[in-house]
Amino acid sequence: MRTNEFRNLVQIGALPQPIDLAGQVLRWRVSGLEAILTGTVPDESFES
């Protein structure tokens, strides 16, 4: 998947929002991404 496709999915809420670490460092929770991949309900940290 291309970076812009991934960012578009985040923007429309199909993927969870990233966590802001130390200012401008953005990372995603593995559990949130795994929940999307497996079709399980994401935990409460999922923000659309």
PDB file of N, CA and C in Angstrom:
ATOM      1  N   MET A   1       0.855  -1.166   0.000  1.00  0.00           N
ATOM      2  CA  MET A   1       0.000   0.000   0.000  1.00  0.00           C
ATOM      3  C   MET A   1       0.903   1.230   0.000  1.00  0.00           C
ATOM      4  N   ARG A   2       0.549   2.152  -0.806  1.00  0.00           N
ATOM      5  CA  ARG A   2       1.306   3.398  -0.868  1.00  0.00           C
ATOM      6  C   ARG A   2       0.986   4.267   0.337  1.00  0.00           C
ATOM      7  N   THR A   3       1.938   5.119   0.677  1.00  0.00           N
ATOM      8  CA  THR A   3       1.796   5.992   1.848  1.00  0.00           C
ATOM      9  C   THR A   3       0.550   6.859   1.753  1.00  0.00           C
ATOM     10  N   ASN A   4       0.303   7.445   0.601  1.00  0.00           N
ATOM     11  CA  ASN A   4      -0.864   8.324   0.483  1.00  0.00           C
ATOM     12  C   ASN A   4      -2.176   7.553   0.611  1.00  0.00           C
ATOM     13  N   GLU A   5      -2.210   6.296   0.170  1.00  0.00           N
ATOM     14  CA  GLU A   5      -3.409   5.469   0.341  1.00  0.00           C
ATOM     15  C   GLU A   5      -3.654   5.199   1.831  1.00  0.00           C
ATOM     16  N   PHE A   6      -2.585   4.862   2.544  1.00  0.00           N
ATOM     17  CA  PHE A   6      -2.685   4.609   3.978  1.00  0.00           C
ATOM     18  C   PHE A   6      -3.192   5.858   4.697  1.00  0.00           C
ATOM     19  N   ARG A   7      -2.617   7.005   4.393  1.00  0.00           N
ATOM     20  CA  ARG A   7      -3.033   8.265   5.034  1.00  0.00           C
ATOM     21  C   ARG A   7      -4.483   8.615   4.712  1.00  0.00           C
ATOM     22  N   ASN A   8      -4.914   8.335   3.494  1.00  0.00           N
ATOM     23  CA  ASN A   8      -6.312   8.584   3.126  1.00  0.00           C
ATOM     24  C   ASN A   8      -7.253   7.708   3.949  1.00  0.00           C
ATOM     25  N   LEU A   9      -6.884   6.434   4.161  1.00  0.00           N
ATOM     26  CA  LEU A   9      -7.710   5.541   4.970  1.00  0.00           C
ATOM     27  C   LEU A   9      -7.784   6.006   6.420  1.00  0.00           C
ATOM     28  N   VAL A  10      -6.689   6.542   6.929  1.00  0.00           N
ATOM     29  CA  VAL A  10      -6.691   7.107   8.282  1.00  0.00           C
ATOM     30  C   VAL A  10      -7.612   8.325   8.315  1.00  0.00           C
ATOM     31  N   GLN A  11      -7.496   9.165   7.323  1.00  0.00           N
ATOM     32  CA  GLN A  11      -8.288  10.402   7.279  1.00  0.00           C
ATOM     33  C   GLN A  11      -9.792  10.130   7.234  1.00  0.00           C
ATOM     34  N   ILE A  12     -10.220   9.099   6.512  1.00  0.00           N
ATOM     35  CA  ILE A  12     -11.653   8.808   6.417  1.00  0.00           C
ATOM     36  C   ILE A  12     -12.160   7.941   7.562  1.00  0.00           C
ATOM     37  N   GLY A  13     -11.228   7.509   8.444  1.00  0.00           N
ATOM     38  CA  GLY A  13     -11.641   6.742   9.611  1.00  0.00           C
ATOM     39  C   GLY A  13     -11.640   5.233   9.425  1.00  0.00           C
ATOM     40  N   ALA A  14     -11.156   4.759   8.285  1.00  0.00           N
ATOM     41  CA  ALA A  14     -11.093   3.316   8.052  1.00  0.00           C
ATOM     42  C   ALA A  14      -9.937   2.670   8.810  1.00  0.00           C
ATOM     43  N   LEU A  15      -8.946   3.454   9.167  1.00  0.00           N
ATOM     44  CA  LEU A  15      -7.817   3.012   9.985  1.00  0.00           C
ATOM     45  C   LEU A  15      -7.726   3.924  11.198  1.00  0.00           C
ATOM     46  N   PRO A  16      -7.168   3.417  12.304  1.00  0.00           N
ATOM     47  CA  PRO A  16      -7.084   4.240  13.509  1.00  0.00           C
ATOM     48  C   PRO A  16      -6.136   5.430  13.343  1.00  0.00           C
ATOM     49  N   GLN A  17      -6.372   6.439  14.147  1.00  0.00           N
ATOM     50  CA  GLN A  17      -5.510   7.614  14.167  1.00  0.00           C
ATOM     51  C   GLN A  17      -4.172   7.262  14.806  1.00  0.00           C
ATOM     52  N   PRO A  18      -3.100   7.933  14.398  1.00  0.00           N
ATOM     53  CA  PRO A  18      -1.805   7.673  15.013  1.00  0.00           C
ATOM     54  C   PRO A  18      -1.715   8.319  16.395  1.00  0.00           C
ATOM     55  N   ILE A  19      -0.725   7.884  17.147  1.00  0.00           N
ATOM     56  CA  ILE A  19      -0.410   8.453  18.444  1.00  0.00           C
ATOM     57  C   ILE A  19       0.742   9.422  18.220  1.00  0.00           C
ATOM     58  N   ASP A  20       0.646  10.607  18.771  1.00  0.00           N
ATOM     59  CA  ASP A  20       1.698  11.612  18.631  1.00  0.00           C
ATOM     60  C   ASP A  20       2.724  11.406  19.739  1.00  0.00           C
ATOM     61  N   LEU A  21       3.934  11.049  19.363  1.00  0.00           N
ATOM     62  CA  LEU A  21       5.021  10.844  20.316  1.00  0.00           C
ATOM     63  C   LEU A  21       6.060  11.954  20.137  1.00  0.00           C
ATOM     64  N   ALA A  22       6.411  12.589  21.201  1.00  0.00           N
ATOM     65  CA  ALA A  22       7.498  13.578  21.186  1.00  0.00           C
ATOM     66  C   ALA A  22       7.327  14.635  20.106  1.00  0.00           C
ATOM     67  N   GLY A  23       6.167  15.200  20.031  1.00  0.00           N
ATOM     68  CA  GLY A  23       5.964  16.284  19.068  1.00  0.00           C
ATOM     69  C   GLY A  23       5.441  15.808  17.739  1.00  0.00           C
ATOM     70  N   GLN A  24       6.334  15.658  16.772  1.00  0.00           N
ATOM     71  CA  GLN A  24       5.890  15.351  15.413  1.00  0.00           C
ATOM     72  C   GLN A  24       6.154  13.918  14.982  1.00  0.00           C
ATOM     73  N   VAL A  25       6.406  13.033  15.910  1.00  0.00           N
ATOM     74  CA  VAL A  25       6.625  11.629  15.594  1.00  0.00           C
ATOM     75  C   VAL A  25       5.283  10.910  15.744  1.00  0.00           C
ATOM     76  N   LEU A  26       4.767  10.383  14.642  1.00  0.00           N
ATOM     77  CA  LEU A  26       3.477   9.698  14.651  1.00  0.00           C
ATOM     78  C   LEU A  26       3.685   8.206  14.488  1.00  0.00           C
ATOM     79  N   ARG A  27       3.000   7.434  15.331  1.00  0.00           N
ATOM     80  CA  ARG A  27       3.067   5.975  15.269  1.00  0.00           C
ATOM     81  C   ARG A  27       1.676   5.406  15.515  1.00  0.00           C
ATOM     82  N   TRP A  28       1.439   4.192  15.038  1.00  0.00           N
ATOM     83  CA  TRP A  28       0.159   3.534  15.216  1.00  0.00           C
ATOM     84  C   TRP A  28       0.301   2.390  16.202  1.00  0.00           C
ATOM     85  N   ARG A  29      -0.742   2.169  16.989  1.00  0.00           N
ATOM     86  CA  ARG A  29      -0.760   1.024  17.900  1.00  0.00           C
ATOM     87  C   ARG A  29      -0.911  -0.245  17.066  1.00  0.00           C
ATOM     88  N   VAL A  30      -0.049  -1.192  17.320  1.00  0.00           N
ATOM     89  CA  VAL A  30      -0.099  -2.459  16.599  1.00  0.00           C
ATOM     90  C   VAL A  30      -1.442  -3.135  16.830  1.00  0.00           C
ATOM     91  N   SER A  31      -1.948  -3.062  18.053  1.00  0.00           N
ATOM     92  CA  SER A  31      -3.224  -3.721  18.364  1.00  0.00           C
ATOM     93  C   SER A  31      -4.365  -3.155  17.515  1.00  0.00           C
ATOM     94  N   GLY A  32      -4.359  -1.860  17.264  1.00  0.00           N
ATOM     95  CA  GLY A  32      -5.397  -1.250  16.434  1.00  0.00           C
ATOM     96  C   GLY A  32      -5.317  -1.693  14.989  1.00  0.00           C
ATOM     97  N   LEU A  33      -4.098  -1.763  14.465  1.00  0.00           N
ATOM     98  CA  LEU A  33      -3.921  -2.205  13.081  1.00  0.00           C
ATOM     99  C   LEU A  33      -4.239  -3.694  12.940  1.00  0.00           C
ATOM    100  N   GLU A  34      -3.838  -4.491  13.934  1.00  0.00           N
ATOM    101  CA  GLU A  34      -4.154  -5.924  13.895  1.00  0.00           C
ATOM    102  C   GLU A  34      -5.655  -6.150  13.954  1.00  0.00           C
ATOM    103  N   ALA A  35      -6.363  -5.337  14.730  1.00  0.00           N
ATOM    104  CA  ALA A  35      -7.815  -5.473  14.815  1.00  0.00           C
ATOM    105  C   ALA A  35      -8.461  -5.234  13.453  1.00  0.00           C
ATOM    106  N   ILE A  36      -7.969  -4.273  12.720  1.00  0.00           N
ATOM    107  CA  ILE A  36      -8.491  -4.002  11.378  1.00  0.00           C
ATOM    108  C   ILE A  36      -8.203  -5.193  10.461  1.00  0.00           C
ATOM    109  N   LEU A  37      -6.990  -5.707  10.522  1.00  0.00           N
ATOM    110  CA  LEU A  37      -6.603  -6.824   9.646  1.00  0.00           C
ATOM    111  C   LEU A  37      -7.385  -8.097   9.927  1.00  0.00           C
ATOM    112  N   THR A  38      -7.673  -8.358  11.206  1.00  0.00           N
ATOM    113  CA  THR A  38      -8.352  -9.596  11.565  1.00  0.00           C
ATOM    114  C   THR A  38      -9.872  -9.460  11.600  1.00  0.00           C
ATOM    115  N   GLY A  39     -10.352  -8.233  11.519  1.00  0.00           N
ATOM    116  CA  GLY A  39     -11.792  -8.006  11.546  1.00  0.00           C
ATOM    117  C   GLY A  39     -12.389  -8.046  12.937  1.00  0.00           C
ATOM    118  N   THR A  40     -11.550  -7.964  13.960  1.00  0.00           N
ATOM    119  CA  THR A  40     -12.053  -7.936  15.331  1.00  0.00           C
ATOM    120  C   THR A  40     -12.373  -6.507  15.736  1.00  0.00           C
ATOM    121  N   VAL A  41     -13.081  -6.371  16.816  1.00  0.00           N
ATOM    122  CA  VAL A  41     -13.430  -5.043  17.318  1.00  0.00           C
ATOM    123  C   VAL A  41     -12.191  -4.419  17.941  1.00  0.00           C
ATOM    124  N   PRO A  42     -11.824  -3.217  17.514  1.00  0.00           N
ATOM    125  CA  PRO A  42     -10.666  -2.571  18.126  1.00  0.00           C
ATOM    126  C   PRO A  42     -10.947  -2.209  19.572  1.00  0.00           C
ATOM    127  N   ASP A  43      -9.907  -2.091  20.363  1.00  0.00           N
ATOM    128  CA  ASP A  43     -10.083  -1.724  21.765  1.00  0.00           C
ATOM    129  C   ASP A  43     -10.493  -0.257  21.890  1.00  0.00           C
ATOM    130  N   GLU A  44     -10.673   0.194  23.114  1.00  0.00           N
ATOM    131  CA  GLU A  44     -11.169   1.559  23.348  1.00  0.00           C
ATOM    132  C   GLU A  44     -10.208   2.642  22.891  1.00  0.00           C
ATOM    133  N   SER A  45      -8.958   2.316  22.587  1.00  0.00           N
ATOM    134  CA  SER A  45      -7.997   3.331  22.140  1.00  0.00           C
ATOM    135  C   SER A  45      -8.203   3.690  20.665  1.00  0.00           C
ATOM    136  N   PHE A  46      -9.053   2.920  19.954  1.00  0.00           N
ATOM    137  CA  PHE A  46      -9.330   3.217  18.550  1.00  0.00           C
ATOM    138  C   PHE A  46     -10.118   4.503  18.446  1.00  0.00           C
ATOM    139  N   GLU A  47      -9.595   5.422  17.656  1.00  0.00           N
ATOM    140  CA  GLU A  47     -10.274   6.702  17.434  1.00  0.00           C
ATOM    141  C   GLU A  47     -10.494   6.850  15.949  1.00  0.00           C
ATOM    142  N   SER A  48     -11.739   7.025  15.568  1.00  0.00           N
ATOM    143  CA  SER A  48     -12.017   7.194  14.140  1.00  0.00           C
ATOM    144  C   SER A  48     -12.100   8.648  13.790  1.00  0.00           C
TER     145      SER A  48
END
